[in-house]
Amino acid sequence: MIFSTAKQHGRRLGPSKRNKGGWALTEGMVAVSVGLTFLVAVAGIFVNCSISFAEVGNYVNMDRKSRNALDRITRSIRSAKSLTSFDPAALVFNYDTAGTTNLAYRYDASTGCVTEEWTVAGTTTTTTLLSGCNSLTFSLYDRDLNPTADASSGKAISIAWQCSGTVINRTNSEYMQQAQIVIRNQP
């Protein structure tokens, strides 16, 4: 007696009709769960990266403004003829012998702004150099770098400030900017 198999007669043995349908409910739920978990993870990474890029942009912007302000202040102080008034929140410089050209730097703690005020022949022009300053202090030193409060004996000025900015309801503070500037024309 010869036994034949289904394969020999051209029939294929395979799954029964019951297993030929689509996925079962449990397989579908697992696939949807894995897909949603992946999408939530990608969305979380995207949101976190977006916030980080915004914060880095804010730091870069604050640093650029601080460096620009420091360059302007340094250039102007070095070319001043003399310091006429000193206060830890304000400096006033004279630029000519007639006293008609003056420059003042002022820090207003209530607004957090540092302003530059040029007075030429009685006309004053005010420019805001920095905004968002949490603190700013001017310090005055004599020729031997000893602290002094007398504007006529001051030769070097130290400036220190710290600014902050808000982006996406988060406040970022930059590192403190500091500089010591010598008044070249001050006797």
C-alpha atoms as a PDB file:
ATOM      1  CA  MET A   1       0.000   0.000   0.000  1.00  0.00           C
ATOM      2  CA  ILE A   2       1.265   3.351  -0.983  1.00  0.00           C
ATOM      3  CA  PHE A   3       0.544   6.309   1.203  1.00  0.00           C
ATOM      4  CA  SER A   4       0.205   9.602  -0.479  1.00  0.00           C
ATOM      5  CA  THR A   5       0.457  12.982   1.079  1.00  0.00           C
ATOM      6  CA  ALA A   6      -1.516  16.070   0.277  1.00  0.00           C
ATOM      7  CA  LYS A   7       1.560  17.647  -1.259  1.00  0.00           C
ATOM      8  CA  GLN A   8       1.806  14.910  -3.805  1.00  0.00           C
ATOM      9  CA  HIS A   9      -1.764  15.475  -4.944  1.00  0.00           C
ATOM     10  CA  GLY A  10      -1.296  19.220  -5.460  1.00  0.00           C
ATOM     11  CA  ARG A  11      -2.986  20.256  -2.292  1.00  0.00           C
ATOM     12  CA  ARG A  12      -1.192  22.351   0.249  1.00  0.00           C
ATOM     13  CA  LEU A  13      -1.541  21.806   3.908  1.00  0.00           C
ATOM     14  CA  GLY A  14      -1.928  25.120   5.681  1.00  0.00           C
ATOM     15  CA  PRO A  15      -3.754  26.914   8.392  1.00  0.00           C
ATOM     16  CA  SER A  16      -7.350  26.180   8.926  1.00  0.00           C
ATOM     17  CA  LYS A  17      -9.993  28.640   7.784  1.00  0.00           C
ATOM     18  CA  ARG A  18     -10.337  29.970  11.271  1.00  0.00           C
ATOM     19  CA  ASN A  19      -6.730  31.283  11.334  1.00  0.00           C
ATOM     20  CA  LYS A  20      -6.817  32.855   7.869  1.00  0.00           C
ATOM     21  CA  GLY A  21      -8.465  36.086   9.129  1.00  0.00           C
ATOM     22  CA  GLY A  22      -6.671  39.314  10.164  1.00  0.00           C
ATOM     23  CA  TRP A  23      -5.071  40.122  13.459  1.00  0.00           C
ATOM     24  CA  ALA A  24      -6.702  39.181  16.650  1.00  0.00           C
ATOM     25  CA  LEU A  25      -7.897  41.934  18.971  1.00  0.00           C
ATOM     26  CA  THR A  26      -4.981  41.480  21.371  1.00  0.00           C
ATOM     27  CA  GLU A  27      -2.424  41.740  18.584  1.00  0.00           C
ATOM     28  CA  GLY A  28      -4.023  44.954  17.365  1.00  0.00           C
ATOM     29  CA  MET A  29      -4.065  46.465  20.852  1.00  0.00           C
ATOM     30  CA  VAL A  30      -0.383  45.658  21.374  1.00  0.00           C
ATOM     31  CA  ALA A  31       0.536  47.217  18.015  1.00  0.00           C
ATOM     32  CA  VAL A  32      -1.468  50.375  18.748  1.00  0.00           C
ATOM     33  CA  SER A  33       0.088  50.635  22.238  1.00  0.00           C
ATOM     34  CA  VAL A  34       3.616  50.318  20.868  1.00  0.00           C
ATOM     35  CA  GLY A  35       2.875  52.884  18.146  1.00  0.00           C
ATOM     36  CA  LEU A  36       1.368  55.393  20.597  1.00  0.00           C
ATOM     37  CA  THR A  37       4.277  54.951  22.994  1.00  0.00           C
ATOM     38  CA  PHE A  38       6.691  55.673  20.159  1.00  0.00           C
ATOM     39  CA  LEU A  39       4.734  58.779  19.056  1.00  0.00           C
ATOM     40  CA  VAL A  40       4.542  60.128  22.632  1.00  0.00           C
ATOM     41  CA  ALA A  41       8.303  59.622  23.042  1.00  0.00           C
ATOM     42  CA  VAL A  42       9.027  61.439  19.758  1.00  0.00           C
ATOM     43  CA  ALA A  43       6.691  64.297  20.744  1.00  0.00           C
ATOM     44  CA  GLY A  44       8.393  64.580  24.146  1.00  0.00           C
ATOM     45  CA  ILE A  45      11.823  64.729  22.560  1.00  0.00           C
ATOM     46  CA  PHE A  46      10.616  67.359  20.076  1.00  0.00           C
ATOM     47  CA  VAL A  47       9.132  69.576  22.817  1.00  0.00           C
ATOM     48  CA  ASN A  48      12.228  69.231  25.003  1.00  0.00           C
ATOM     49  CA  CYS A  49      14.537  70.098  22.101  1.00  0.00           C
ATOM     50  CA  SER A  50      12.401  73.094  21.137  1.00  0.00           C
ATOM     51  CA  ILE A  51      12.535  74.484  24.680  1.00  0.00           C
ATOM     52  CA  SER A  52      16.291  73.891  24.862  1.00  0.00           C
ATOM     53  CA  PHE A  53      16.903  75.654  21.544  1.00  0.00           C
ATOM     54  CA  ALA A  54      14.775  78.618  22.677  1.00  0.00           C
ATOM     55  CA  GLU A  55      16.729  78.868  25.949  1.00  0.00           C
ATOM     56  CA  VAL A  56      20.080  78.676  24.164  1.00  0.00           C
ATOM     57  CA  GLY A  57      18.898  81.395  21.781  1.00  0.00           C
ATOM     58  CA  ASN A  58      17.965  83.533  24.777  1.00  0.00           C
ATOM     59  CA  TYR A  59      21.422  83.038  26.318  1.00  0.00           C
ATOM     60  CA  VAL A  60      23.101  83.965  23.046  1.00  0.00           C
ATOM     61  CA  ASN A  61      20.937  87.073  22.701  1.00  0.00           C
ATOM     62  CA  MET A  62      21.666  88.206  26.283  1.00  0.00           C
ATOM     63  CA  ASP A  63      25.385  87.610  25.813  1.00  0.00           C
ATOM     64  CA  ARG A  64      25.435  89.537  22.523  1.00  0.00           C
ATOM     65  CA  LYS A  65      23.652  92.515  24.086  1.00  0.00           C
ATOM     66  CA  SER A  66      25.949  92.482  27.118  1.00  0.00           C
ATOM     67  CA  ARG A  67      29.093  92.370  24.998  1.00  0.00           C
ATOM     68  CA  ASN A  68      27.808  95.150  22.764  1.00  0.00           C
ATOM     69  CA  ALA A  69      26.995  97.329  25.787  1.00  0.00           C
ATOM     70  CA  LEU A  70      30.368  96.611  27.384  1.00  0.00           C
ATOM     71  CA  ASP A  71      32.218  97.497  24.173  1.00  0.00           C
ATOM     72  CA  ARG A  72      30.331 100.785  23.896  1.00  0.00           C
ATOM     73  CA  ILE A  73      30.862 101.684  27.539  1.00  0.00           C
ATOM     74  CA  THR A  74      34.561 100.826  27.379  1.00  0.00           C
ATOM     75  CA  ARG A  75      35.157 102.870  24.232  1.00  0.00           C
ATOM     76  CA  SER A  76      33.352 105.911  25.649  1.00  0.00           C
ATOM     77  CA  ILE A  77      34.952 105.801  29.098  1.00  0.00           C
ATOM     78  CA  ARG A  78      38.465 105.440  27.718  1.00  0.00           C
ATOM     79  CA  SER A  79      38.052 108.521  25.548  1.00  0.00           C
ATOM     80  CA  ALA A  80      36.453 110.711  28.255  1.00  0.00           C
ATOM     81  CA  LYS A  81      38.334 113.785  29.431  1.00  0.00           C
ATOM     82  CA  SER A  82      37.370 113.407  33.087  1.00  0.00           C
ATOM     83  CA  LEU A  83      34.922 111.809  35.474  1.00  0.00           C
ATOM     84  CA  THR A  84      32.747 114.523  37.006  1.00  0.00           C
ATOM     85  CA  SER A  85      30.323 112.496  39.125  1.00  0.00           C
ATOM     86  CA  PHE A  86      30.380 109.017  40.616  1.00  0.00           C
ATOM     87  CA  ASP A  87      27.652 106.922  42.199  1.00  0.00           C
ATOM     88  CA  PRO A  88      27.427 103.090  42.372  1.00  0.00           C
ATOM     89  CA  ALA A  89      24.455 103.359  39.956  1.00  0.00           C
ATOM     90  CA  ALA A  90      25.539 106.358  37.833  1.00  0.00           C
ATOM     91  CA  LEU A  91      28.628 107.830  36.180  1.00  0.00           C
ATOM     92  CA  VAL A  92      28.955 111.252  34.523  1.00  0.00           C
ATOM     93  CA  PHE A  93      31.892 112.137  32.252  1.00  0.00           C
ATOM     94  CA  ASN A  94      33.054 115.366  30.643  1.00  0.00           C
ATOM     95  CA  TYR A  95      34.375 115.373  27.077  1.00  0.00           C
ATOM     96  CA  ASP A  96      35.520 118.961  26.512  1.00  0.00           C
ATOM     97  CA  THR A  97      37.039 121.828  28.488  1.00  0.00           C
ATOM     98  CA  ALA A  98      33.915 123.986  28.117  1.00  0.00           C
ATOM     99  CA  GLY A  99      31.795 121.303  29.814  1.00  0.00           C
ATOM    100  CA  THR A 100      29.182 121.287  27.061  1.00  0.00           C
ATOM    101  CA  THR A 101      29.651 117.640  26.077  1.00  0.00           C
ATOM    102  CA  ASN A 102      28.858 115.167  28.819  1.00  0.00           C
ATOM    103  CA  LEU A 103      28.107 111.467  28.988  1.00  0.00           C
ATOM    104  CA  ALA A 104      26.150 109.737  31.748  1.00  0.00           C
ATOM    105  CA  TYR A 105      25.578 106.043  32.384  1.00  0.00           C
ATOM    106  CA  ARG A 106      22.664 105.302  34.688  1.00  0.00           C
ATOM    107  CA  TYR A 107      21.209 102.104  36.080  1.00  0.00           C
ATOM    108  CA  ASP A 108      17.556 102.145  37.127  1.00  0.00           C
ATOM    109  CA  ALA A 109      16.910  99.139  39.385  1.00  0.00           C
ATOM    110  CA  SER A 110      13.118  99.521  39.159  1.00  0.00           C
ATOM    111  CA  THR A 111      13.086  99.052  35.365  1.00  0.00           C
ATOM    112  CA  GLY A 112      16.277  96.992  35.076  1.00  0.00           C
ATOM    113  CA  CYS A 113      17.613  99.308  32.337  1.00  0.00           C
ATOM    114  CA  VAL A 114      21.075 100.746  31.766  1.00  0.00           C
ATOM    115  CA  THR A 115      21.001 103.978  29.773  1.00  0.00           C
ATOM    116  CA  GLU A 116      23.609 106.074  28.009  1.00  0.00           C
ATOM    117  CA  GLU A 117      22.858 109.813  27.974  1.00  0.00           C
ATOM    118  CA  TRP A 118      24.849 112.126  25.728  1.00  0.00           C
ATOM    119  CA  THR A 119      24.446 115.843  26.363  1.00  0.00           C
ATOM    120  CA  VAL A 120      25.844 118.102  23.644  1.00  0.00           C
ATOM    121  CA  ALA A 121      25.279 121.877  23.931  1.00  0.00           C
ATOM    122  CA  GLY A 122      22.218 121.383  26.159  1.00  0.00           C
ATOM    123  CA  THR A 123      20.552 118.676  24.038  1.00  0.00           C
ATOM    124  CA  THR A 124      20.345 115.230  25.647  1.00  0.00           C
ATOM    125  CA  THR A 125      20.028 111.979  23.700  1.00  0.00           C
ATOM    126  CA  THR A 126      19.212 108.854  25.722  1.00  0.00           C
ATOM    127  CA  THR A 127      19.869 105.314  24.523  1.00  0.00           C
ATOM    128  CA  THR A 128      18.985 102.124  26.381  1.00  0.00           C
ATOM    129  CA  LEU A 129      22.053  99.869  26.352  1.00  0.00           C
ATOM    130  CA  LEU A 130      20.708  96.969  28.392  1.00  0.00           C
ATOM    131  CA  SER A 131      17.342  95.849  29.647  1.00  0.00           C
ATOM    132  CA  GLY A 132      16.537  93.015  32.010  1.00  0.00           C
ATOM    133  CA  CYS A 133      19.426  93.785  34.366  1.00  0.00           C
ATOM    134  CA  ASN A 134      18.984  92.258  37.805  1.00  0.00           C
ATOM    135  CA  SER A 135      21.951  94.111  39.236  1.00  0.00           C
ATOM    136  CA  LEU A 136      24.625  96.580  38.180  1.00  0.00           C
ATOM    137  CA  THR A 137      27.355  98.210  40.225  1.00  0.00           C
ATOM    138  CA  PHE A 138      29.967 100.789  39.294  1.00  0.00           C
ATOM    139  CA  SER A 139      33.085 100.891  41.483  1.00  0.00           C
ATOM    140  CA  LEU A 140      35.773 103.570  41.371  1.00  0.00           C
ATOM    141  CA  TYR A 141      39.514 103.131  42.006  1.00  0.00           C
ATOM    142  CA  ASP A 142      42.415 105.564  42.186  1.00  0.00           C
ATOM    143  CA  ARG A 143      45.765 105.211  40.370  1.00  0.00           C
ATOM    144  CA  ASP A 144      46.968 102.613  42.907  1.00  0.00           C
ATOM    145  CA  LEU A 145      43.732 100.614  42.459  1.00  0.00           C
ATOM    146  CA  ASN A 146      42.491 101.490  45.924  1.00  0.00           C
ATOM    147  CA  PRO A 147      38.721 101.974  46.195  1.00  0.00           C
ATOM    148  CA  THR A 148      37.627 105.604  46.283  1.00  0.00           C
ATOM    149  CA  ALA A 149      34.389 107.570  46.048  1.00  0.00           C
ATOM    150  CA  ASP A 150      36.031 110.835  44.955  1.00  0.00           C
ATOM    151  CA  ALA A 151      35.374 111.413  41.241  1.00  0.00           C
ATOM    152  CA  SER A 152      38.379 113.733  40.864  1.00  0.00           C
ATOM    153  CA  SER A 153      40.855 111.088  42.078  1.00  0.00           C
ATOM    154  CA  GLY A 154      39.277 108.144  40.231  1.00  0.00           C
ATOM    155  CA  LYS A 155      41.327 106.594  37.447  1.00  0.00           C
ATOM    156  CA  ALA A 156      39.791 103.128  36.956  1.00  0.00           C
ATOM    157  CA  ILE A 157      36.171 102.049  36.922  1.00  0.00           C
ATOM    158  CA  SER A 158      34.906  98.548  37.569  1.00  0.00           C
ATOM    159  CA  ILE A 159      31.539  97.529  36.164  1.00  0.00           C
ATOM    160  CA  ALA A 160      29.676  94.355  37.090  1.00  0.00           C
ATOM    161  CA  TRP A 161      26.178  93.354  36.038  1.00  0.00           C
ATOM    162  CA  GLN A 162      23.929  90.373  35.633  1.00  0.00           C
ATOM    163  CA  CYS A 163      20.957  90.180  33.267  1.00  0.00           C
ATOM    164  CA  SER A 164      18.106  87.734  32.894  1.00  0.00           C
ATOM    165  CA  GLY A 165      15.551  86.995  30.213  1.00  0.00           C
ATOM    166  CA  THR A 166      12.340  84.992  30.010  1.00  0.00           C
ATOM    167  CA  VAL A 167      11.512  82.581  27.233  1.00  0.00           C
ATOM    168  CA  ILE A 168       8.581  80.143  27.258  1.00  0.00           C
ATOM    169  CA  ASN A 169       7.794  81.032  30.897  1.00  0.00           C
ATOM    170  CA  ARG A 170      11.322  80.140  32.001  1.00  0.00           C
ATOM    171  CA  THR A 171      13.781  82.702  33.306  1.00  0.00           C
ATOM    172  CA  ASN A 172      17.421  82.374  32.279  1.00  0.00           C
ATOM    173  CA  SER A 173      20.220  84.348  33.933  1.00  0.00           C
ATOM    174  CA  GLU A 174      23.517  84.948  32.221  1.00  0.00           C
ATOM    175  CA  TYR A 175      26.816  84.862  34.012  1.00  0.00           C
ATOM    176  CA  MET A 176      27.921  88.120  35.555  1.00  0.00           C
ATOM    177  CA  GLN A 177      29.695  90.448  33.134  1.00  0.00           C
ATOM    178  CA  GLN A 178      32.619  92.344  34.639  1.00  0.00           C
ATOM    179  CA  ALA A 179      35.212  94.773  33.378  1.00  0.00           C
ATOM    180  CA  GLN A 180      37.756  97.229  34.680  1.00  0.00           C
ATOM    181  CA  ILE A 181      38.217 100.283  32.499  1.00  0.00           C
ATOM    182  CA  VAL A 182      40.908 102.936  32.811  1.00  0.00           C
ATOM    183  CA  ILE A 183      40.032 106.554  32.054  1.00  0.00           C
ATOM    184  CA  ARG A 184      43.011 107.386  29.834  1.00  0.00           C
ATOM    185  CA  ASN A 185      42.700 111.175  29.869  1.00  0.00           C
ATOM    186  CA  GLN A 186      41.979 111.516  33.617  1.00  0.00           C
ATOM    187  CA  PRO A 187      44.978 113.168  35.294  1.00  0.00           C
END
